N, C-alpha and C. Protein backbone atom coordinates (compact mmCIF):
# COMPACT_ATOMS: atom_id res chain seq x y z
N MET A 1 -10.17 -0.36 -10.98
CA MET A 1 -10.44 -0.50 -8.90
C MET A 1 -9.03 -0.20 -8.20
N ALA A 2 -8.68 0.40 -7.26
CA ALA A 2 -7.56 0.62 -6.87
C ALA A 2 -7.87 0.55 -5.53
N LYS A 3 -6.17 -0.02 -5.05
CA LYS A 3 -6.11 -0.51 -3.75
C LYS A 3 -4.84 -0.42 -2.87
N LEU A 4 -4.84 -0.15 -1.72
CA LEU A 4 -3.17 0.06 -0.98
C LEU A 4 -3.24 -1.07 -0.17
N ILE A 5 -1.59 -1.08 -0.82
CA ILE A 5 -1.23 -2.33 -0.15
C ILE A 5 -0.05 -2.06 0.94
N LYS A 6 -0.09 -2.45 2.04
CA LYS A 6 0.52 -2.31 3.20
C LYS A 6 1.73 -2.92 3.16
N ILE A 7 3.14 -2.05 3.37
CA ILE A 7 4.45 -2.23 3.15
C ILE A 7 5.14 -2.54 4.56
N GLY A 8 4.80 -1.63 5.46
CA GLY A 8 4.98 -1.68 6.97
C GLY A 8 4.63 0.02 7.57
N GLY A 9 4.41 -0.19 8.71
CA GLY A 9 4.10 1.06 10.17
C GLY A 9 2.58 1.55 9.54
N CYS A 10 1.67 0.57 8.26
CA CYS A 10 0.32 1.21 8.38
C CYS A 10 -0.68 1.12 9.20
N ASP A 11 0.00 0.10 10.55
CA ASP A 11 -1.34 0.04 11.30
C ASP A 11 -0.91 0.81 12.91
N ASN A 12 0.38 1.37 12.79
CA ASN A 12 0.55 2.17 14.06
C ASN A 12 -0.07 3.87 13.77
N LEU A 13 -0.96 3.75 14.63
CA LEU A 13 -2.12 5.13 14.72
C LEU A 13 -1.27 5.92 15.30
N GLU A 14 -0.45 5.95 15.67
CA GLU A 14 0.54 7.16 16.29
C GLU A 14 1.92 7.99 15.52
N ARG A 15 1.73 6.95 14.06
CA ARG A 15 2.74 7.44 12.77
C ARG A 15 2.90 8.69 12.88
N PHE A 16 3.85 8.98 12.36
CA PHE A 16 4.71 10.50 11.75
C PHE A 16 3.99 10.80 10.79
N GLY A 17 4.17 9.84 9.83
CA GLY A 17 3.60 9.72 8.74
C GLY A 17 3.07 9.04 7.63
N ASP A 18 2.72 9.49 6.25
CA ASP A 18 2.63 8.10 5.58
C ASP A 18 3.32 8.07 4.12
N VAL A 19 4.12 7.59 3.43
CA VAL A 19 4.82 7.21 2.09
C VAL A 19 3.90 6.37 1.35
N VAL A 20 3.42 7.17 0.31
CA VAL A 20 2.43 6.33 -0.70
C VAL A 20 3.35 6.21 -2.19
N PHE A 21 3.62 4.62 -2.27
CA PHE A 21 4.54 4.32 -3.73
C PHE A 21 3.10 4.62 -4.68
N VAL A 22 3.16 5.25 -6.16
CA VAL A 22 2.38 5.23 -7.00
C VAL A 22 2.65 5.25 -8.22
N HIS A 23 2.75 3.49 -9.18
CA HIS A 23 2.92 2.94 -10.13
C HIS A 23 2.85 3.75 -11.47
N GLY A 24 3.46 3.94 -12.50
CA GLY A 24 2.96 4.52 -14.07
C GLY A 24 2.40 3.15 -14.85
N LEU A 25 2.25 3.75 -16.47
CA LEU A 25 1.46 3.05 -16.87
C LEU A 25 1.91 1.73 -16.90
N GLY A 26 1.24 0.60 -17.08
CA GLY A 26 0.92 -0.52 -17.18
C GLY A 26 2.24 -1.06 -15.59
N GLY A 27 2.01 -0.45 -14.90
CA GLY A 27 3.14 -0.95 -14.02
C GLY A 27 1.97 -1.44 -12.85
N ASP A 28 2.92 -2.04 -11.55
CA ASP A 28 1.94 -2.83 -10.64
C ASP A 28 2.35 -1.84 -9.39
N GLY A 29 1.97 -2.28 -8.38
CA GLY A 29 1.88 -1.51 -7.17
C GLY A 29 2.78 -2.38 -6.59
N LEU A 30 3.54 -3.46 -6.89
CA LEU A 30 4.75 -3.69 -5.97
C LEU A 30 5.74 -4.05 -7.04
N GLU A 31 5.70 -4.56 -8.26
CA GLU A 31 6.79 -4.81 -9.57
C GLU A 31 7.51 -3.88 -9.93
N THR A 32 6.45 -2.69 -9.64
CA THR A 32 7.56 -1.49 -10.35
C THR A 32 8.33 -1.26 -9.10
N TRP A 33 8.65 -1.53 -8.04
CA TRP A 33 9.59 -1.04 -7.07
C TRP A 33 10.31 -2.13 -6.98
N HIS A 34 10.16 -2.87 -7.17
CA HIS A 34 11.53 -4.44 -7.08
C HIS A 34 12.27 -4.22 -8.41
N ALA A 35 13.60 -4.84 -8.10
CA ALA A 35 14.81 -5.29 -9.18
C ALA A 35 14.20 -5.99 -9.88
N ASN A 36 13.61 -6.98 -9.01
CA ASN A 36 12.92 -8.23 -10.36
C ASN A 36 11.37 -8.53 -9.97
N PRO A 37 11.07 -8.21 -10.97
CA PRO A 37 9.47 -8.07 -10.74
C PRO A 37 9.24 -9.55 -11.17
N ASP A 38 10.22 -10.28 -12.05
CA ASP A 38 9.72 -11.95 -12.22
C ASP A 38 9.44 -12.47 -10.98
N GLU A 39 10.39 -12.25 -9.58
CA GLU A 39 10.46 -12.82 -8.60
C GLU A 39 9.36 -12.84 -7.43
N ILE A 40 8.61 -11.49 -7.53
CA ILE A 40 7.37 -10.97 -7.08
C ILE A 40 5.70 -12.07 -7.93
N LYS A 41 6.08 -12.17 -9.12
CA LYS A 41 5.26 -12.95 -10.45
C LYS A 41 5.35 -14.29 -9.23
N GLN A 42 6.33 -14.91 -9.07
CA GLN A 42 6.68 -16.30 -8.70
C GLN A 42 6.01 -16.46 -7.76
N LEU A 43 6.41 -15.71 -6.51
CA LEU A 43 5.51 -15.21 -5.32
C LEU A 43 4.21 -15.29 -5.21
N GLN A 44 3.72 -14.41 -5.63
CA GLN A 44 2.44 -14.25 -6.12
C GLN A 44 1.42 -15.83 -6.72
N LYS A 45 2.41 -16.63 -7.66
CA LYS A 45 2.01 -18.05 -8.11
C LYS A 45 1.77 -18.64 -7.18
N GLN A 46 2.97 -18.80 -6.22
CA GLN A 46 3.21 -20.02 -5.22
C GLN A 46 2.13 -19.59 -4.12
N CYS A 47 1.64 -18.25 -4.08
CA CYS A 47 0.79 -18.09 -2.83
C CYS A 47 -0.50 -18.00 -3.20
N ASP A 48 -1.00 -18.15 -4.45
CA ASP A 48 -2.33 -18.38 -5.36
C ASP A 48 -2.37 -19.99 -5.16
N ARG A 49 -1.05 -20.87 -5.43
CA ARG A 49 -1.25 -22.40 -5.41
C ARG A 49 -1.60 -22.84 -4.04
N ASP A 50 -1.04 -21.96 -3.06
CA ASP A 50 -1.00 -22.37 -1.51
C ASP A 50 -2.31 -21.43 -0.55
N GLY A 51 -2.51 -20.97 -1.53
CA GLY A 51 -4.34 -20.56 -1.00
C GLY A 51 -3.89 -19.34 0.12
N THR A 52 -2.88 -18.64 0.01
CA THR A 52 -2.22 -17.30 1.03
C THR A 52 -2.33 -16.19 0.24
N ARG A 53 -1.71 -15.48 1.28
CA ARG A 53 -1.83 -13.95 0.42
C ARG A 53 -0.59 -13.71 0.65
N LEU A 54 0.28 -12.69 -0.35
CA LEU A 54 1.77 -12.36 -0.60
C LEU A 54 1.70 -11.38 0.51
N ASP A 55 2.39 -11.11 1.25
CA ASP A 55 3.02 -10.20 2.27
C ASP A 55 4.39 -9.20 2.10
N ALA A 56 3.83 -8.51 1.73
CA ALA A 56 4.70 -7.42 1.12
C ALA A 56 5.54 -6.84 2.07
N GLY A 57 5.20 -6.70 3.41
CA GLY A 57 6.36 -6.52 4.07
C GLY A 57 7.84 -7.36 4.35
N GLN A 58 7.18 -8.74 3.43
CA GLN A 58 7.98 -9.43 3.75
C GLN A 58 9.34 -9.73 2.37
N LEU A 59 8.98 -8.71 1.57
CA LEU A 59 10.14 -8.42 -0.03
C LEU A 59 10.87 -7.91 0.37
N ASP A 60 11.75 -8.20 -0.58
CA ASP A 60 12.77 -7.20 -0.32
C ASP A 60 12.89 -6.51 -1.43
N PHE A 61 12.63 -4.96 -0.98
CA PHE A 61 12.62 -4.49 -2.38
C PHE A 61 12.85 -2.61 -1.51
N TRP A 62 13.50 -1.41 -2.16
CA TRP A 62 13.28 -0.59 -1.23
C TRP A 62 12.07 -0.04 -0.49
N PRO A 63 10.53 -0.02 -0.69
CA PRO A 63 9.95 0.58 0.06
C PRO A 63 9.86 -0.28 1.34
N VAL A 64 10.14 -1.74 1.26
CA VAL A 64 10.46 -2.03 2.64
C VAL A 64 11.62 -1.45 3.36
N TRP A 65 12.38 -1.33 2.75
CA TRP A 65 14.18 -0.60 3.24
C TRP A 65 13.51 0.76 3.91
N LEU A 66 12.79 1.35 3.36
CA LEU A 66 11.84 2.63 3.92
C LEU A 66 11.60 2.19 5.29
N GLY A 67 11.09 1.15 5.31
CA GLY A 67 9.86 1.18 6.59
C GLY A 67 10.73 0.45 7.66
N LYS A 68 12.07 -0.24 7.29
CA LYS A 68 12.58 -0.66 8.38
C LYS A 68 13.30 0.37 8.82
N ASP A 69 13.70 1.64 7.78
CA ASP A 69 14.91 2.53 8.70
C ASP A 69 13.81 3.49 9.20
N ARG A 70 12.40 3.50 8.99
CA ARG A 70 11.85 4.61 9.32
C ARG A 70 10.66 4.19 9.81
N PRO A 71 10.42 2.89 11.17
CA PRO A 71 9.13 2.69 11.64
C PRO A 71 7.74 3.15 12.01
N ASP A 72 8.50 4.87 12.16
CA ASP A 72 7.44 5.95 12.77
C ASP A 72 6.79 6.47 11.26
N LEU A 73 7.03 5.95 9.98
CA LEU A 73 6.06 6.01 8.65
C LEU A 73 5.13 5.09 8.64
N GLY A 74 4.13 5.22 8.05
CA GLY A 74 3.23 3.99 7.53
C GLY A 74 3.46 4.06 5.69
N ILE A 75 4.38 3.35 5.28
CA ILE A 75 4.41 2.74 3.85
C ILE A 75 3.35 1.83 3.15
N TRP A 76 3.06 2.31 1.98
CA TRP A 76 2.01 1.70 1.08
C TRP A 76 2.43 1.78 -0.23
N SER A 77 1.84 1.23 -0.56
CA SER A 77 1.79 1.09 -2.28
C SER A 77 0.41 0.71 -3.09
N LEU A 78 -0.03 2.02 -4.05
CA LEU A 78 -1.33 2.24 -4.67
C LEU A 78 -1.48 1.30 -5.78
N ASP A 79 -1.87 0.20 -6.23
CA ASP A 79 -2.21 -0.52 -6.85
C ASP A 79 -3.62 0.24 -7.56
N TYR A 80 -3.48 -0.17 -9.10
CA TYR A 80 -4.88 0.78 -9.57
C TYR A 80 -4.34 0.18 -11.09
N GLU A 81 -5.30 -0.11 -11.91
CA GLU A 81 -5.37 -0.54 -13.01
C GLU A 81 -4.93 1.14 -14.33
N VAL A 82 -4.11 0.81 -14.82
CA VAL A 82 -3.66 1.61 -16.40
C VAL A 82 -2.76 1.34 -17.70
N ALA A 83 -3.71 0.34 -18.18
CA ALA A 83 -2.92 0.08 -19.41
C ALA A 83 -2.12 1.20 -20.66
N PRO A 84 -1.62 1.38 -20.39
CA PRO A 84 -0.37 2.00 -21.85
C PRO A 84 -1.38 2.06 -23.03
N THR A 85 -2.35 0.92 -23.64
CA THR A 85 -2.75 1.19 -24.76
C THR A 85 -4.14 0.18 -24.62
N ALA A 86 -5.46 0.70 -25.12
CA ALA A 86 -6.43 0.06 -25.55
C ALA A 86 -6.39 -1.72 -25.90
N TRP A 87 -5.31 -1.49 -26.04
CA TRP A 87 -4.99 -3.25 -26.67
C TRP A 87 -4.85 -4.30 -25.35
N ARG A 88 -4.68 -3.85 -24.28
CA ARG A 88 -3.74 -4.20 -23.13
C ARG A 88 -4.77 -4.09 -22.36
N GLY A 89 -5.66 -3.52 -22.32
CA GLY A 89 -6.94 -3.43 -21.23
C GLY A 89 -7.41 -2.05 -20.82
N ASP A 90 -8.58 -1.90 -20.32
CA ASP A 90 -9.36 -0.64 -20.45
C ASP A 90 -8.81 0.16 -19.00
N THR A 91 -8.78 1.65 -19.28
CA THR A 91 -8.19 2.16 -18.28
C THR A 91 -9.53 3.29 -17.77
N ASN A 92 -9.72 4.11 -16.79
CA ASN A 92 -11.10 4.47 -16.47
C ASN A 92 -10.34 6.48 -16.46
N PRO A 93 -11.16 6.95 -17.15
CA PRO A 93 -10.43 8.29 -17.70
C PRO A 93 -9.51 8.71 -15.94
N LEU A 94 -8.35 9.51 -16.01
CA LEU A 94 -8.24 10.32 -15.31
C LEU A 94 -8.80 10.57 -14.33
N TYR A 95 -9.63 11.42 -14.05
CA TYR A 95 -10.59 11.98 -13.23
C TYR A 95 -11.13 11.32 -12.94
N ASP A 96 -11.88 10.45 -13.07
CA ASP A 96 -12.35 9.06 -12.40
C ASP A 96 -12.00 8.24 -11.50
N GLN A 97 -10.58 7.80 -12.81
CA GLN A 97 -9.69 7.00 -11.38
C GLN A 97 -9.39 7.63 -10.48
N ALA A 98 -8.79 9.77 -9.90
CA ALA A 98 -8.59 10.14 -9.40
C ALA A 98 -9.47 10.01 -8.17
N ASN A 99 -11.10 10.01 -9.09
CA ASN A 99 -11.97 9.81 -7.61
C ASN A 99 -11.71 8.40 -6.53
N LEU A 100 -11.84 7.76 -7.61
CA LEU A 100 -11.45 5.97 -6.87
C LEU A 100 -10.22 6.14 -6.28
N VAL A 101 -9.16 6.74 -6.44
CA VAL A 101 -8.33 6.71 -5.52
C VAL A 101 -8.19 7.23 -4.39
N LEU A 102 -9.24 8.63 -4.60
CA LEU A 102 -9.42 9.35 -3.16
C LEU A 102 -10.48 8.94 -2.01
N GLU A 103 -11.25 8.02 -2.82
CA GLU A 103 -12.40 7.07 -1.82
C GLU A 103 -11.45 6.26 -1.26
N VAL A 104 -9.76 5.72 -1.76
CA VAL A 104 -9.54 4.57 -1.31
C VAL A 104 -8.82 5.06 0.10
N PHE A 105 -7.97 6.29 -0.13
CA PHE A 105 -7.26 7.65 0.79
C PHE A 105 -8.17 7.62 1.73
N ALA A 106 -9.55 7.95 1.37
CA ALA A 106 -10.14 8.47 2.72
C ALA A 106 -10.45 7.20 3.77
N ASN A 107 -10.39 5.82 3.08
CA ASN A 107 -11.42 4.84 3.59
C ASN A 107 -10.05 4.27 4.34
N ARG A 108 -8.95 4.08 4.20
CA ARG A 108 -7.64 3.90 4.95
C ARG A 108 -6.87 5.11 5.79
N GLU A 109 -7.80 6.87 6.17
CA GLU A 109 -7.07 8.01 6.42
C GLU A 109 -5.79 8.15 5.72
N ILE A 110 -5.41 7.71 4.83
CA ILE A 110 -3.88 8.88 4.12
C ILE A 110 -4.48 10.28 4.32
N GLY A 111 -3.84 10.91 4.44
CA GLY A 111 -4.12 12.08 4.50
C GLY A 111 -4.57 12.83 5.58
N ARG A 112 -4.48 11.52 6.76
CA ARG A 112 -4.83 12.25 8.58
C ARG A 112 -3.44 12.52 9.15
N HIS A 113 -2.03 12.18 8.21
CA HIS A 113 -0.81 12.19 8.99
C HIS A 113 0.05 12.88 7.64
N PRO A 114 0.75 13.72 8.18
CA PRO A 114 1.56 14.40 6.86
C PRO A 114 1.53 13.44 5.69
N VAL A 115 1.91 13.93 4.46
CA VAL A 115 1.94 12.49 3.50
C VAL A 115 3.14 13.17 2.53
N VAL A 116 3.99 11.69 1.85
CA VAL A 116 4.50 11.73 0.85
C VAL A 116 4.20 11.25 -0.13
N PHE A 117 3.79 11.87 -1.77
CA PHE A 117 3.83 10.54 -2.66
C PHE A 117 5.13 10.69 -3.67
N VAL A 118 5.33 9.08 -3.85
CA VAL A 118 6.52 8.76 -4.55
C VAL A 118 5.80 8.58 -5.53
N THR A 119 6.30 8.82 -6.93
CA THR A 119 5.59 8.52 -7.91
C THR A 119 6.19 8.33 -9.30
N HIS A 120 5.71 7.18 -10.12
CA HIS A 120 6.64 7.10 -11.77
C HIS A 120 5.49 7.16 -12.74
N SER A 121 5.98 7.96 -13.36
CA SER A 121 5.09 8.63 -15.08
C SER A 121 3.94 8.82 -14.64
N MET A 122 2.78 7.98 -14.98
CA MET A 122 1.06 8.08 -15.33
C MET A 122 0.77 8.48 -13.59
N GLY A 123 1.04 7.53 -12.53
CA GLY A 123 1.52 7.62 -11.33
C GLY A 123 1.44 9.21 -10.56
N GLY A 124 2.12 10.54 -11.06
CA GLY A 124 2.21 11.65 -10.93
C GLY A 124 1.54 12.06 -11.15
N LEU A 125 0.68 12.22 -12.46
CA LEU A 125 -0.19 12.57 -12.90
C LEU A 125 -1.24 12.40 -12.73
N LEU A 126 -1.91 10.84 -12.03
CA LEU A 126 -2.79 10.64 -11.69
C LEU A 126 -2.74 11.35 -9.52
N ILE A 127 -1.76 10.97 -9.10
CA ILE A 127 -1.92 12.02 -7.81
C ILE A 127 -2.38 13.33 -7.99
N LYS A 128 -1.76 13.91 -8.92
CA LYS A 128 -1.85 15.58 -8.93
C LYS A 128 -3.40 15.80 -9.14
N GLN A 129 -3.91 14.85 -10.00
CA GLN A 129 -5.26 14.95 -10.08
C GLN A 129 -6.21 14.82 -9.20
N THR A 130 -5.70 13.68 -8.31
CA THR A 130 -6.58 13.71 -6.66
C THR A 130 -6.62 14.79 -6.08
N LEU A 131 -5.29 15.02 -5.55
CA LEU A 131 -5.33 16.55 -5.13
C LEU A 131 -6.08 17.36 -5.45
N ARG A 132 -6.23 17.63 -6.76
CA ARG A 132 -7.50 18.73 -7.29
C ARG A 132 -8.63 18.36 -7.03
N ASN A 133 -8.93 16.77 -7.26
CA ASN A 133 -10.32 16.31 -6.83
C ASN A 133 -10.71 16.98 -5.32
N ALA A 134 -9.52 16.75 -4.65
CA ALA A 134 -9.83 16.23 -3.26
C ALA A 134 -10.44 17.97 -2.84
N LYS A 135 -9.46 19.01 -3.31
CA LYS A 135 -9.68 19.99 -3.13
C LYS A 135 -10.95 20.40 -3.34
N GLY A 136 -11.85 20.00 -4.51
CA GLY A 136 -13.01 20.82 -4.93
C GLY A 136 -14.12 19.89 -4.36
N ALA A 137 -13.92 18.60 -3.71
CA ALA A 137 -14.66 17.49 -3.36
C ALA A 137 -15.96 17.73 -2.18
N LYS A 138 -16.82 17.24 -2.58
CA LYS A 138 -17.86 18.51 -1.85
C LYS A 138 -17.97 17.43 -0.24
N SER A 139 -17.91 16.02 -0.59
CA SER A 139 -17.19 15.70 0.79
C SER A 139 -16.11 16.23 1.57
N GLU A 140 -15.88 15.73 2.73
CA GLU A 140 -14.98 15.66 3.05
C GLU A 140 -13.43 15.31 3.07
N ASN A 141 -12.58 16.57 2.56
CA ASN A 141 -11.19 16.13 2.26
C ASN A 141 -10.47 15.89 2.91
N PRO A 142 -9.99 14.77 2.91
CA PRO A 142 -9.10 13.36 3.33
C PRO A 142 -7.67 14.32 3.45
N PHE A 143 -7.10 15.59 2.69
CA PHE A 143 -6.13 16.04 3.42
C PHE A 143 -6.44 17.14 3.54
N GLY A 144 -7.39 17.69 4.18
CA GLY A 144 -7.49 18.46 4.81
C GLY A 144 -6.99 18.82 6.02
N LYS A 145 -7.21 17.84 6.42
CA LYS A 145 -6.37 17.38 7.73
C LYS A 145 -5.06 17.19 7.98
N SER A 146 -4.41 16.94 7.53
CA SER A 146 -2.99 16.70 7.17
C SER A 146 -2.27 18.23 7.10
N ARG A 147 -1.12 18.17 7.85
CA ARG A 147 -0.26 19.63 7.74
C ARG A 147 0.55 19.49 6.43
N LYS A 148 0.75 18.73 6.09
CA LYS A 148 1.47 18.75 5.01
C LYS A 148 1.36 17.15 3.58
N ALA A 149 1.65 17.89 2.47
CA ALA A 149 1.50 16.69 1.30
C ALA A 149 2.89 16.97 0.31
N SER A 150 3.55 16.12 0.53
CA SER A 150 4.45 16.27 -0.76
C SER A 150 4.95 14.85 -1.61
N PHE A 151 5.08 15.88 -2.79
CA PHE A 151 5.25 15.33 -3.80
C PHE A 151 5.93 14.90 -5.04
N SER A 152 7.00 13.97 -4.78
CA SER A 152 8.20 13.11 -5.45
C SER A 152 7.67 12.43 -6.63
N HIS A 153 7.92 13.18 -7.61
CA HIS A 153 8.22 12.54 -9.34
C HIS A 153 9.59 11.55 -9.80
N ILE A 154 9.26 10.49 -10.18
CA ILE A 154 10.20 9.95 -10.78
C ILE A 154 10.10 9.74 -12.04
N ALA A 155 10.56 10.60 -12.78
CA ALA A 155 10.52 10.85 -14.86
C ALA A 155 10.94 10.02 -14.95
N THR A 156 10.50 8.76 -16.23
CA THR A 156 11.92 8.79 -17.40
C THR A 156 11.15 8.56 -18.48
N MET A 157 11.60 8.23 -19.30
CA MET A 157 11.65 7.99 -20.94
C MET A 157 11.69 6.81 -21.62
């Protein structure tokens, strides 16, 4: 299952563009981009106990800082399941996962505005496959309306 997490500016219909952060193997839509992932885990546990929802826009990490600097952009984080080994869980084949992500993007109208993808590790491969699937899709391509799509990949070893 894939989902988009709203970080900031996502409800502004007149926004200039979207920035989508995409984590890599074994990552998380919020923890990957935070200096202290344990802090997010603790906040999530507290929200679960309180019966509330974690507001990503209230966190202190760089996707939020970008949203504060650029309120004219929609800042999102894609969260999807991707286990580094079968011992840690199941993962859809890349092609199928890309189709799920494409559906999530279409539902949130990602591609209606110019898009920048900031990816880490496997996230870069996923977005590349998603863009390929979109180009060959029989249904409407959500990126067909966008004037531009940029791709920034953060590689690590």
